[in-house]
Amino acid sequence: MGELISQELKEALELWGLKEELKVFITIDNGANIVKALEMNGWTRLQCFSHRLHLAIERSVKDAHVEHAIGKCKKIVSAFSYTWKRKREMANAQAELNLPRH
């Protein structure tokens, strides 16, 4: 698959009128086929920051401490979302404490 992508990338540059020798690098994810294609073309790759950030966030959410905190937050939200009595009690408490109503 890397071979096909390698050739298609070269053809795309040509089609768009871009000179291969003027490119500095290509931003990619870490897909093995893309990495192989760029290596075959001898091109420098730069990993996509937003993709790396997404992966970091995804991994952190799987952390046991974070999962626990998210679980607690979901329970709190559901406790006030599904009953009008608790919503009313929370609104009264917010009014007594001069807090914004949420």
PDB file of N, CA and C in Angstrom:
ATOM      1  N   MET A   1       0.810  -1.186   0.000  1.00  0.00           N
ATOM      2  CA  MET A   1       0.000   0.000   0.000  1.00  0.00           C
ATOM      3  C   MET A   1       0.862   1.262   0.000  1.00  0.00           C
ATOM      4  N   GLY A   2       1.977   1.238   0.721  1.00  0.00           N
ATOM      5  CA  GLY A   2       2.879   2.382   0.759  1.00  0.00           C
ATOM      6  C   GLY A   2       3.385   2.774  -0.615  1.00  0.00           C
ATOM      7  N   GLU A   3       3.617   1.753  -1.472  1.00  0.00           N
ATOM      8  CA  GLU A   3       4.119   2.025  -2.823  1.00  0.00           C
ATOM      9  C   GLU A   3       3.100   2.833  -3.625  1.00  0.00           C
ATOM     10  N   LEU A   4       1.848   2.444  -3.536  1.00  0.00           N
ATOM     11  CA  LEU A   4       0.784   3.136  -4.263  1.00  0.00           C
ATOM     12  C   LEU A   4       0.627   4.570  -3.751  1.00  0.00           C
ATOM     13  N   ILE A   5       0.624   4.728  -2.449  1.00  0.00           N
ATOM     14  CA  ILE A   5       0.499   6.068  -1.863  1.00  0.00           C
ATOM     15  C   ILE A   5       1.683   6.932  -2.267  1.00  0.00           C
ATOM     16  N   SER A   6       2.874   6.350  -2.261  1.00  0.00           N
ATOM     17  CA  SER A   6       4.082   7.056  -2.653  1.00  0.00           C
ATOM     18  C   SER A   6       3.930   7.649  -4.052  1.00  0.00           C
ATOM     19  N   GLN A   7       3.477   6.830  -4.979  1.00  0.00           N
ATOM     20  CA  GLN A   7       3.303   7.280  -6.362  1.00  0.00           C
ATOM     21  C   GLN A   7       2.186   8.320  -6.479  1.00  0.00           C
ATOM     22  N   GLU A   8       1.095   8.096  -5.764  1.00  0.00           N
ATOM     23  CA  GLU A   8      -0.036   9.032  -5.816  1.00  0.00           C
ATOM     24  C   GLU A   8       0.352  10.403  -5.265  1.00  0.00           C
ATOM     25  N   LEU A   9       1.159  10.422  -4.224  1.00  0.00           N
ATOM     26  CA  LEU A   9       1.610  11.697  -3.672  1.00  0.00           C
ATOM     27  C   LEU A   9       2.459  12.465  -4.678  1.00  0.00           C
ATOM     28  N   LYS A  10       3.340  11.764  -5.365  1.00  0.00           N
ATOM     29  CA  LYS A  10       4.164  12.412  -6.394  1.00  0.00           C
ATOM     30  C   LYS A  10       3.285  12.959  -7.527  1.00  0.00           C
ATOM     31  N   GLU A  11       2.291  12.181  -7.917  1.00  0.00           N
ATOM     32  CA  GLU A  11       1.385  12.626  -8.974  1.00  0.00           C
ATOM     33  C   GLU A  11       0.563  13.835  -8.529  1.00  0.00           C
ATOM     34  N   ALA A  12       0.164  13.868  -7.246  1.00  0.00           N
ATOM     35  CA  ALA A  12      -0.591  15.002  -6.717  1.00  0.00           C
ATOM     36  C   ALA A  12       0.247  16.278  -6.766  1.00  0.00           C
ATOM     37  N   LEU A  13       1.512  16.172  -6.382  1.00  0.00           N
ATOM     38  CA  LEU A  13       2.394  17.343  -6.460  1.00  0.00           C
ATOM     39  C   LEU A  13       2.473  17.873  -7.894  1.00  0.00           C
ATOM     40  N   GLU A  14       2.645  16.952  -8.815  1.00  0.00           N
ATOM     41  CA  GLU A  14       2.750  17.332 -10.223  1.00  0.00           C
ATOM     42  C   GLU A  14       1.446  17.976 -10.708  1.00  0.00           C
ATOM     43  N   LEU A  15       0.323  17.376 -10.355  1.00  0.00           N
ATOM     44  CA  LEU A  15      -0.983  17.881 -10.768  1.00  0.00           C
ATOM     45  C   LEU A  15      -1.227  19.292 -10.227  1.00  0.00           C
ATOM     46  N   TRP A  16      -0.795  19.546  -9.006  1.00  0.00           N
ATOM     47  CA  TRP A  16      -0.997  20.853  -8.392  1.00  0.00           C
ATOM     48  C   TRP A  16       0.087  21.864  -8.781  1.00  0.00           C
ATOM     49  N   GLY A  17       1.047  21.432  -9.586  1.00  0.00           N
ATOM     50  CA  GLY A  17       2.112  22.324 -10.033  1.00  0.00           C
ATOM     51  C   GLY A  17       3.116  22.659  -8.939  1.00  0.00           C
ATOM     52  N   LEU A  18       3.291  21.752  -7.993  1.00  0.00           N
ATOM     53  CA  LEU A  18       4.245  21.965  -6.904  1.00  0.00           C
ATOM     54  C   LEU A  18       5.539  21.230  -7.211  1.00  0.00           C
ATOM     55  N   LYS A  19       6.648  21.891  -6.940  1.00  0.00           N
ATOM     56  CA  LYS A  19       7.947  21.288  -7.209  1.00  0.00           C
ATOM     57  C   LYS A  19       8.400  20.475  -5.992  1.00  0.00           C
ATOM     58  N   GLU A  20       8.686  19.207  -6.241  1.00  0.00           N
ATOM     59  CA  GLU A  20       9.090  18.306  -5.164  1.00  0.00           C
ATOM     60  C   GLU A  20      10.315  18.816  -4.420  1.00  0.00           C
ATOM     61  N   GLU A  21      11.260  19.408  -5.127  1.00  0.00           N
ATOM     62  CA  GLU A  21      12.498  19.853  -4.500  1.00  0.00           C
ATOM     63  C   GLU A  21      12.295  21.082  -3.599  1.00  0.00           C
ATOM     64  N   LEU A  22      11.152  21.765  -3.712  1.00  0.00           N
ATOM     65  CA  LEU A  22      10.887  22.940  -2.883  1.00  0.00           C
ATOM     66  C   LEU A  22      10.127  22.621  -1.593  1.00  0.00           C
ATOM     67  N   LYS A  23       9.607  21.420  -1.485  1.00  0.00           N
ATOM     68  CA  LYS A  23       8.853  21.090  -0.274  1.00  0.00           C
ATOM     69  C   LYS A  23       9.828  20.866   0.882  1.00  0.00           C
ATOM     70  N   VAL A  24       9.393  21.270   2.062  1.00  0.00           N
ATOM     71  CA  VAL A  24      10.232  21.159   3.247  1.00  0.00           C
ATOM     72  C   VAL A  24       9.920  19.865   3.987  1.00  0.00           C
ATOM     73  N   PHE A  25       8.647  19.636   4.251  1.00  0.00           N
ATOM     74  CA  PHE A  25       8.216  18.417   4.929  1.00  0.00           C
ATOM     75  C   PHE A  25       6.741  18.208   4.650  1.00  0.00           C
ATOM     76  N   ILE A  26       6.229  17.070   5.081  1.00  0.00           N
ATOM     77  CA  ILE A  26       4.816  16.749   4.942  1.00  0.00           C
ATOM     78  C   ILE A  26       4.290  16.384   6.318  1.00  0.00           C
ATOM     79  N   THR A  27       3.138  16.940   6.661  1.00  0.00           N
ATOM     80  CA  THR A  27       2.505  16.650   7.940  1.00  0.00           C
ATOM     81  C   THR A  27       1.615  15.432   7.779  1.00  0.00           C
ATOM     82  N   ILE A  28       1.792  14.453   8.684  1.00  0.00           N
ATOM     83  CA  ILE A  28       1.038  13.206   8.579  1.00  0.00           C
ATOM     84  C   ILE A  28       0.637  12.703   9.959  1.00  0.00           C
ATOM     85  N   ASP A  29      -0.242  11.682   9.951  1.00  0.00           N
ATOM     86  CA  ASP A  29      -0.478  10.939  11.183  1.00  0.00           C
ATOM     87  C   ASP A  29       0.587   9.841  11.206  1.00  0.00           C
ATOM     88  N   ASN A  30       0.463   8.881  12.068  1.00  0.00           N
ATOM     89  CA  ASN A  30       1.495   7.851  12.184  1.00  0.00           C
ATOM     90  C   ASN A  30       1.151   6.568  11.445  1.00  0.00           C
ATOM     91  N   GLY A  31       0.267   6.636  10.470  1.00  0.00           N
ATOM     92  CA  GLY A  31      -0.111   5.443   9.722  1.00  0.00           C
ATOM     93  C   GLY A  31       1.102   4.816   9.053  1.00  0.00           C
ATOM     94  N   ALA A  32       1.277   3.514   9.237  1.00  0.00           N
ATOM     95  CA  ALA A  32       2.459   2.820   8.716  1.00  0.00           C
ATOM     96  C   ALA A  32       2.571   2.963   7.200  1.00  0.00           C
ATOM     97  N   ASN A  33       1.433   2.951   6.500  1.00  0.00           N
ATOM     98  CA  ASN A  33       1.486   3.050   5.043  1.00  0.00           C
ATOM     99  C   ASN A  33       1.937   4.442   4.591  1.00  0.00           C
ATOM    100  N   ILE A  34       1.533   5.479   5.308  1.00  0.00           N
ATOM    101  CA  ILE A  34       1.961   6.840   4.969  1.00  0.00           C
ATOM    102  C   ILE A  34       3.440   7.022   5.292  1.00  0.00           C
ATOM    103  N   VAL A  35       3.860   6.532   6.442  1.00  0.00           N
ATOM    104  CA  VAL A  35       5.273   6.621   6.826  1.00  0.00           C
ATOM    105  C   VAL A  35       6.134   5.932   5.776  1.00  0.00           C
ATOM    106  N   LYS A  36       5.706   4.748   5.353  1.00  0.00           N
ATOM    107  CA  LYS A  36       6.452   4.001   4.338  1.00  0.00           C
ATOM    108  C   LYS A  36       6.509   4.772   3.021  1.00  0.00           C
ATOM    109  N   ALA A  37       5.395   5.376   2.625  1.00  0.00           N
ATOM    110  CA  ALA A  37       5.348   6.126   1.371  1.00  0.00           C
ATOM    111  C   ALA A  37       6.326   7.298   1.394  1.00  0.00           C
ATOM    112  N   LEU A  38       6.365   8.019   2.498  1.00  0.00           N
ATOM    113  CA  LEU A  38       7.280   9.152   2.585  1.00  0.00           C
ATOM    114  C   LEU A  38       8.729   8.694   2.615  1.00  0.00           C
ATOM    115  N   GLU A  39       8.996   7.597   3.301  1.00  0.00           N
ATOM    116  CA  GLU A  39      10.358   7.060   3.312  1.00  0.00           C
ATOM    117  C   GLU A  39      10.775   6.645   1.910  1.00  0.00           C
ATOM    118  N   MET A  40       9.855   6.041   1.174  1.00  0.00           N
ATOM    119  CA  MET A  40      10.171   5.618  -0.191  1.00  0.00           C
ATOM    120  C   MET A  40      10.504   6.815  -1.080  1.00  0.00           C
ATOM    121  N   ASN A  41       9.803   7.940  -0.838  1.00  0.00           N
ATOM    122  CA  ASN A  41      10.060   9.142  -1.632  1.00  0.00           C
ATOM    123  C   ASN A  41      11.237   9.952  -1.094  1.00  0.00           C
ATOM    124  N   GLY A  42      11.752   9.556   0.088  1.00  0.00           N
ATOM    125  CA  GLY A  42      12.861  10.296   0.692  1.00  0.00           C
ATOM    126  C   GLY A  42      12.409  11.641   1.244  1.00  0.00           C
ATOM    127  N   TRP A  43      11.147  11.742   1.648  1.00  0.00           N
ATOM    128  CA  TRP A  43      10.598  12.993   2.144  1.00  0.00           C
ATOM    129  C   TRP A  43      10.636  13.042   3.669  1.00  0.00           C
ATOM    130  N   THR A  44      10.813  14.234   4.202  1.00  0.00           N
ATOM    131  CA  THR A  44      10.805  14.447   5.643  1.00  0.00           C
ATOM    132  C   THR A  44       9.362  14.554   6.109  1.00  0.00           C
ATOM    133  N   ARG A  45       9.075  13.911   7.237  1.00  0.00           N
ATOM    134  CA  ARG A  45       7.710  13.958   7.761  1.00  0.00           C
ATOM    135  C   ARG A  45       7.684  14.688   9.092  1.00  0.00           C
ATOM    136  N   LEU A  46       6.570  15.353   9.333  1.00  0.00           N
ATOM    137  CA  LEU A  46       6.334  16.041  10.590  1.00  0.00           C
ATOM    138  C   LEU A  46       4.998  15.537  11.104  1.00  0.00           C
ATOM    139  N   GLN A  47       5.014  14.996  12.314  1.00  0.00           N
ATOM    140  CA  GLN A  47       3.773  14.450  12.848  1.00  0.00           C
ATOM    141  C   GLN A  47       2.798  15.585  13.142  1.00  0.00           C
ATOM    142  N   CYS A  48       1.540  15.350  12.843  1.00  0.00           N
ATOM    143  CA  CYS A  48       0.488  16.341  13.009  1.00  0.00           C
ATOM    144  C   CYS A  48       0.251  16.612  14.498  1.00  0.00           C
ATOM    145  N   PHE A  49       0.358  17.892  14.891  1.00  0.00           N
ATOM    146  CA  PHE A  49       0.191  18.250  16.297  1.00  0.00           C
ATOM    147  C   PHE A  49      -1.209  17.915  16.797  1.00  0.00           C
ATOM    148  N   SER A  50      -2.231  18.237  16.019  1.00  0.00           N
ATOM    149  CA  SER A  50      -3.595  17.990  16.489  1.00  0.00           C
ATOM    150  C   SER A  50      -3.859  16.495  16.641  1.00  0.00           C
ATOM    151  N   HIS A  51      -3.274  15.689  15.764  1.00  0.00           N
ATOM    152  CA  HIS A  51      -3.433  14.231  15.889  1.00  0.00           C
ATOM    153  C   HIS A  51      -2.747  13.736  17.156  1.00  0.00           C
ATOM    154  N   ARG A  52      -1.555  14.241  17.416  1.00  0.00           N
ATOM    155  CA  ARG A  52      -0.820  13.839  18.622  1.00  0.00           C
ATOM    156  C   ARG A  52      -1.564  14.290  19.880  1.00  0.00           C
ATOM    157  N   LEU A  53      -2.123  15.502  19.849  1.00  0.00           N
ATOM    158  CA  LEU A  53      -2.887  16.006  20.980  1.00  0.00           C
ATOM    159  C   LEU A  53      -4.115  15.136  21.221  1.00  0.00           C
ATOM    160  N   HIS A  54      -4.801  14.767  20.143  1.00  0.00           N
ATOM    161  CA  HIS A  54      -5.968  13.897  20.254  1.00  0.00           C
ATOM    162  C   HIS A  54      -5.588  12.567  20.903  1.00  0.00           C
ATOM    163  N   LEU A  55      -4.487  11.978  20.470  1.00  0.00           N
ATOM    164  CA  LEU A  55      -4.038  10.712  21.047  1.00  0.00           C
ATOM    165  C   LEU A  55      -3.715  10.859  22.537  1.00  0.00           C
ATOM    166  N   ALA A  56      -3.074  11.974  22.902  1.00  0.00           N
ATOM    167  CA  ALA A  56      -2.723  12.197  24.308  1.00  0.00           C
ATOM    168  C   ALA A  56      -3.978  12.328  25.164  1.00  0.00           C
ATOM    169  N   ILE A  57      -4.959  13.059  24.667  1.00  0.00           N
ATOM    170  CA  ILE A  57      -6.210  13.225  25.410  1.00  0.00           C
ATOM    171  C   ILE A  57      -6.927  11.891  25.523  1.00  0.00           C
ATOM    172  N   GLU A  58      -6.969  11.163  24.416  1.00  0.00           N
ATOM    173  CA  GLU A  58      -7.627   9.852  24.412  1.00  0.00           C
ATOM    174  C   GLU A  58      -6.989   8.915  25.451  1.00  0.00           C
ATOM    175  N   ARG A  59      -5.665   8.924  25.515  1.00  0.00           N
ATOM    176  CA  ARG A  59      -4.971   8.062  26.491  1.00  0.00           C
ATOM    177  C   ARG A  59      -5.225   8.521  27.920  1.00  0.00           C
ATOM    178  N   SER A  60      -5.238   9.842  28.137  1.00  0.00           N
ATOM    179  CA  SER A  60      -5.428  10.346  29.500  1.00  0.00           C
ATOM    180  C   SER A  60      -6.826  10.033  30.015  1.00  0.00           C
ATOM    181  N   VAL A  61      -7.820  10.038  29.142  1.00  0.00           N
ATOM    182  CA  VAL A  61      -9.188   9.735  29.559  1.00  0.00           C
ATOM    183  C   VAL A  61      -9.304   8.286  30.011  1.00  0.00           C
ATOM    184  N   LYS A  62      -8.430   7.426  29.523  1.00  0.00           N
ATOM    185  CA  LYS A  62      -8.450   6.019  29.915  1.00  0.00           C
ATOM    186  C   LYS A  62      -7.741   5.769  31.249  1.00  0.00           C
ATOM    187  N   ASP A  63      -7.101   6.798  31.801  1.00  0.00           N
ATOM    188  CA  ASP A  63      -6.441   6.672  33.096  1.00  0.00           C
ATOM    189  C   ASP A  63      -7.495   6.417  34.173  1.00  0.00           C
ATOM    190  N   ALA A  64      -7.212   5.535  35.100  1.00  0.00           N
ATOM    191  CA  ALA A  64      -8.179   5.139  36.132  1.00  0.00           C
ATOM    192  C   ALA A  64      -8.656   6.322  36.972  1.00  0.00           C
ATOM    193  N   HIS A  65      -7.749   7.238  37.309  1.00  0.00           N
ATOM    194  CA  HIS A  65      -8.130   8.398  38.113  1.00  0.00           C
ATOM    195  C   HIS A  65      -9.079   9.312  37.336  1.00  0.00           C
ATOM    196  N   VAL A  66      -8.788   9.514  36.078  1.00  0.00           N
ATOM    197  CA  VAL A  66      -9.634  10.371  35.243  1.00  0.00           C
ATOM    198  C   VAL A  66     -10.994   9.702  35.021  1.00  0.00           C
ATOM    199  N   GLU A  67     -10.983   8.400  34.753  1.00  0.00           N
ATOM    200  CA  GLU A  67     -12.245   7.676  34.581  1.00  0.00           C
ATOM    201  C   GLU A  67     -13.104   7.788  35.837  1.00  0.00           C
ATOM    202  N   HIS A  68     -12.475   7.686  36.993  1.00  0.00           N
ATOM    203  CA  HIS A  68     -13.188   7.788  38.263  1.00  0.00           C
ATOM    204  C   HIS A  68     -13.829   9.178  38.402  1.00  0.00           C
ATOM    205  N   ALA A  69     -13.062  10.220  38.109  1.00  0.00           N
ATOM    206  CA  ALA A  69     -13.570  11.595  38.217  1.00  0.00           C
ATOM    207  C   ALA A  69     -14.717  11.826  37.234  1.00  0.00           C
ATOM    208  N   ILE A  70     -14.575  11.332  36.015  1.00  0.00           N
ATOM    209  CA  ILE A  70     -15.637  11.478  35.018  1.00  0.00           C
ATOM    210  C   ILE A  70     -16.893  10.747  35.474  1.00  0.00           C
ATOM    211  N   GLY A  71     -16.725   9.571  36.046  1.00  0.00           N
ATOM    212  CA  GLY A  71     -17.863   8.814  36.565  1.00  0.00           C
ATOM    213  C   GLY A  71     -18.605   9.585  37.649  1.00  0.00           C
ATOM    214  N   LYS A  72     -17.852  10.203  38.560  1.00  0.00           N
ATOM    215  CA  LYS A  72     -18.470  11.010  39.624  1.00  0.00           C
ATOM    216  C   LYS A  72     -19.235  12.190  39.031  1.00  0.00           C
ATOM    217  N   CYS A  73     -18.628  12.860  38.057  1.00  0.00           N
ATOM    218  CA  CYS A  73     -19.289  14.001  37.406  1.00  0.00           C
ATOM    219  C   CYS A  73     -20.579  13.575  36.725  1.00  0.00           C
ATOM    220  N   LYS A  74     -20.564  12.443  36.061  1.00  0.00           N
ATOM    221  CA  LYS A  74     -21.769  11.950  35.390  1.00  0.00           C
ATOM    222  C   LYS A  74     -22.878  11.667  36.390  1.00  0.00           C
ATOM    223  N   LYS A  75     -22.507  11.111  37.551  1.00  0.00           N
ATOM    224  CA  LYS A  75     -23.516  10.830  38.589  1.00  0.00           C
ATOM    225  C   LYS A  75     -24.116  12.122  39.126  1.00  0.00           C
ATOM    226  N   ILE A  76     -23.283  13.129  39.317  1.00  0.00           N
ATOM    227  CA  ILE A  76     -23.778  14.414  39.811  1.00  0.00           C
ATOM    228  C   ILE A  76     -24.735  15.038  38.800  1.00  0.00           C
ATOM    229  N   VAL A  77     -24.342  15.040  37.530  1.00  0.00           N
ATOM    230  CA  VAL A  77     -25.187  15.612  36.487  1.00  0.00           C
ATOM    231  C   VAL A  77     -26.514  14.864  36.413  1.00  0.00           C
ATOM    232  N   SER A  78     -26.461  13.545  36.422  1.00  0.00           N
ATOM    233  CA  SER A  78     -27.703  12.780  36.307  1.00  0.00           C
ATOM    234  C   SER A  78     -28.584  12.971  37.536  1.00  0.00           C
ATOM    235  N   ALA A  79     -27.977  13.197  38.706  1.00  0.00           N
ATOM    236  CA  ALA A  79     -28.770  13.407  39.915  1.00  0.00           C
ATOM    237  C   ALA A  79     -29.642  14.654  39.805  1.00  0.00           C
ATOM    238  N   PHE A  80     -29.151  15.664  39.085  1.00  0.00           N
ATOM    239  CA  PHE A  80     -29.916  16.907  38.946  1.00  0.00           C
ATOM    240  C   PHE A  80     -30.661  17.006  37.619  1.00  0.00           C
ATOM    241  N   SER A  81     -30.371  16.146  36.692  1.00  0.00           N
ATOM    242  CA  SER A  81     -30.987  16.235  35.371  1.00  0.00           C
ATOM    243  C   SER A  81     -32.330  15.532  35.283  1.00  0.00           C
ATOM    244  N   TYR A  82     -32.532  14.524  36.086  1.00  0.00           N
ATOM    245  CA  TYR A  82     -33.706  13.677  35.898  1.00  0.00           C
ATOM    246  C   TYR A  82     -34.806  13.873  36.942  1.00  0.00           C
ATOM    247  N   THR A  83     -34.658  14.857  37.822  1.00  0.00           N
ATOM    248  CA  THR A  83     -35.711  15.082  38.801  1.00  0.00           C
ATOM    249  C   THR A  83     -35.914  16.578  39.025  1.00  0.00           C
ATOM    250  N   TRP A  84     -37.140  17.039  38.895  1.00  0.00           N
ATOM    251  CA  TRP A  84     -37.444  18.460  39.043  1.00  0.00           C
ATOM    252  C   TRP A  84     -37.259  18.922  40.483  1.00  0.00           C
ATOM    253  N   LYS A  85     -37.443  18.012  41.444  1.00  0.00           N
ATOM    254  CA  LYS A  85     -37.281  18.387  42.858  1.00  0.00           C
ATOM    255  C   LYS A  85     -35.831  18.774  43.157  1.00  0.00           C
ATOM    256  N   ARG A  86     -34.900  17.995  42.654  1.00  0.00           N
ATOM    257  CA  ARG A  86     -33.478  18.307  42.895  1.00  0.00           C
ATOM    258  C   ARG A  86     -33.074  19.577  42.150  1.00  0.00           C
ATOM    259  N   LYS A  87     -33.632  19.770  40.964  1.00  0.00           N
ATOM    260  CA  LYS A  87     -33.351  21.010  40.232  1.00  0.00           C
ATOM    261  C   LYS A  87     -33.826  22.213  41.042  1.00  0.00           C
ATOM    262  N   ARG A  88     -35.025  22.103  41.620  1.00  0.00           N
ATOM    263  CA  ARG A  88     -35.581  23.189  42.421  1.00  0.00           C
ATOM    264  C   ARG A  88     -34.718  23.428  43.662  1.00  0.00           C
ATOM    265  N   GLU A  89     -34.299  22.343  44.323  1.00  0.00           N
ATOM    266  CA  GLU A  89     -33.459  22.479  45.514  1.00  0.00           C
ATOM    267  C   GLU A  89     -32.123  23.145  45.178  1.00  0.00           C
ATOM    268  N   MET A  90     -31.559  22.754  44.049  1.00  0.00           N
ATOM    269  CA  MET A  90     -30.287  23.355  43.647  1.00  0.00           C
ATOM    270  C   MET A  90     -30.487  24.832  43.329  1.00  0.00           C
ATOM    271  N   ALA A  91     -31.568  25.189  42.638  1.00  0.00           N
ATOM    272  CA  ALA A  91     -31.838  26.591  42.321  1.00  0.00           C
ATOM    273  C   ALA A  91     -32.007  27.410  43.604  1.00  0.00           C
ATOM    274  N   ASN A  92     -32.694  26.845  44.589  1.00  0.00           N
ATOM    275  CA  ASN A  92     -32.870  27.539  45.872  1.00  0.00           C
ATOM    276  C   ASN A  92     -31.528  27.733  46.573  1.00  0.00           C
ATOM    277  N   ALA A  93     -30.700  26.701  46.588  1.00  0.00           N
ATOM    278  CA  ALA A  93     -29.383  26.792  47.226  1.00  0.00           C
ATOM    279  C   ALA A  93     -28.512  27.829  46.520  1.00  0.00           C
ATOM    280  N   GLN A  94     -28.566  27.866  45.194  1.00  0.00           N
ATOM    281  CA  GLN A  94     -27.786  28.852  44.449  1.00  0.00           C
ATOM    282  C   GLN A  94     -28.262  30.268  44.763  1.00  0.00           C
ATOM    283  N   ALA A  95     -29.578  30.455  44.900  1.00  0.00           N
ATOM    284  CA  ALA A  95     -30.126  31.772  45.226  1.00  0.00           C
ATOM    285  C   ALA A  95     -29.683  32.200  46.625  1.00  0.00           C
ATOM    286  N   GLU A  96     -29.738  31.287  47.595  1.00  0.00           N
ATOM    287  CA  GLU A  96     -29.324  31.595  48.968  1.00  0.00           C
ATOM    288  C   GLU A  96     -27.858  31.994  49.050  1.00  0.00           C
ATOM    289  N   LEU A  97     -27.040  31.351  48.216  1.00  0.00           N
ATOM    290  CA  LEU A  97     -25.589  31.603  48.243  1.00  0.00           C
ATOM    291  C   LEU A  97     -25.157  32.689  47.241  1.00  0.00           C
ATOM    292  N   ASN A  98     -26.140  33.318  46.597  1.00  0.00           N
ATOM    293  CA  ASN A  98     -25.867  34.358  45.573  1.00  0.00           C
ATOM    294  C   ASN A  98     -24.946  33.838  44.472  1.00  0.00           C
ATOM    295  N   LEU A  99     -25.211  32.616  44.036  1.00  0.00           N
ATOM    296  CA  LEU A  99     -24.443  31.997  42.956  1.00  0.00           C
ATOM    297  C   LEU A  99     -25.226  32.109  41.661  1.00  0.00           C
ATOM    298  N   PRO A 100     -24.534  32.127  40.525  1.00  0.00           N
ATOM    299  CA  PRO A 100     -25.255  32.141  39.252  1.00  0.00           C
ATOM    300  C   PRO A 100     -26.083  30.875  39.095  1.00  0.00           C
ATOM    301  N   ARG A 101     -27.230  31.019  38.469  1.00  0.00           N
ATOM    302  CA  ARG A 101     -28.124  29.888  38.309  1.00  0.00           C
ATOM    303  C   ARG A 101     -27.697  29.057  37.104  1.00  0.00           C
ATOM    304  N   HIS A 102     -27.405  27.794  37.328  1.00  0.00           N
ATOM    305  CA  HIS A 102     -26.990  26.886  36.250  1.00  0.00           C
ATOM    306  C   HIS A 102     -27.921  25.705  36.230  1.00  0.00           C
TER     307      HIS A 102
END
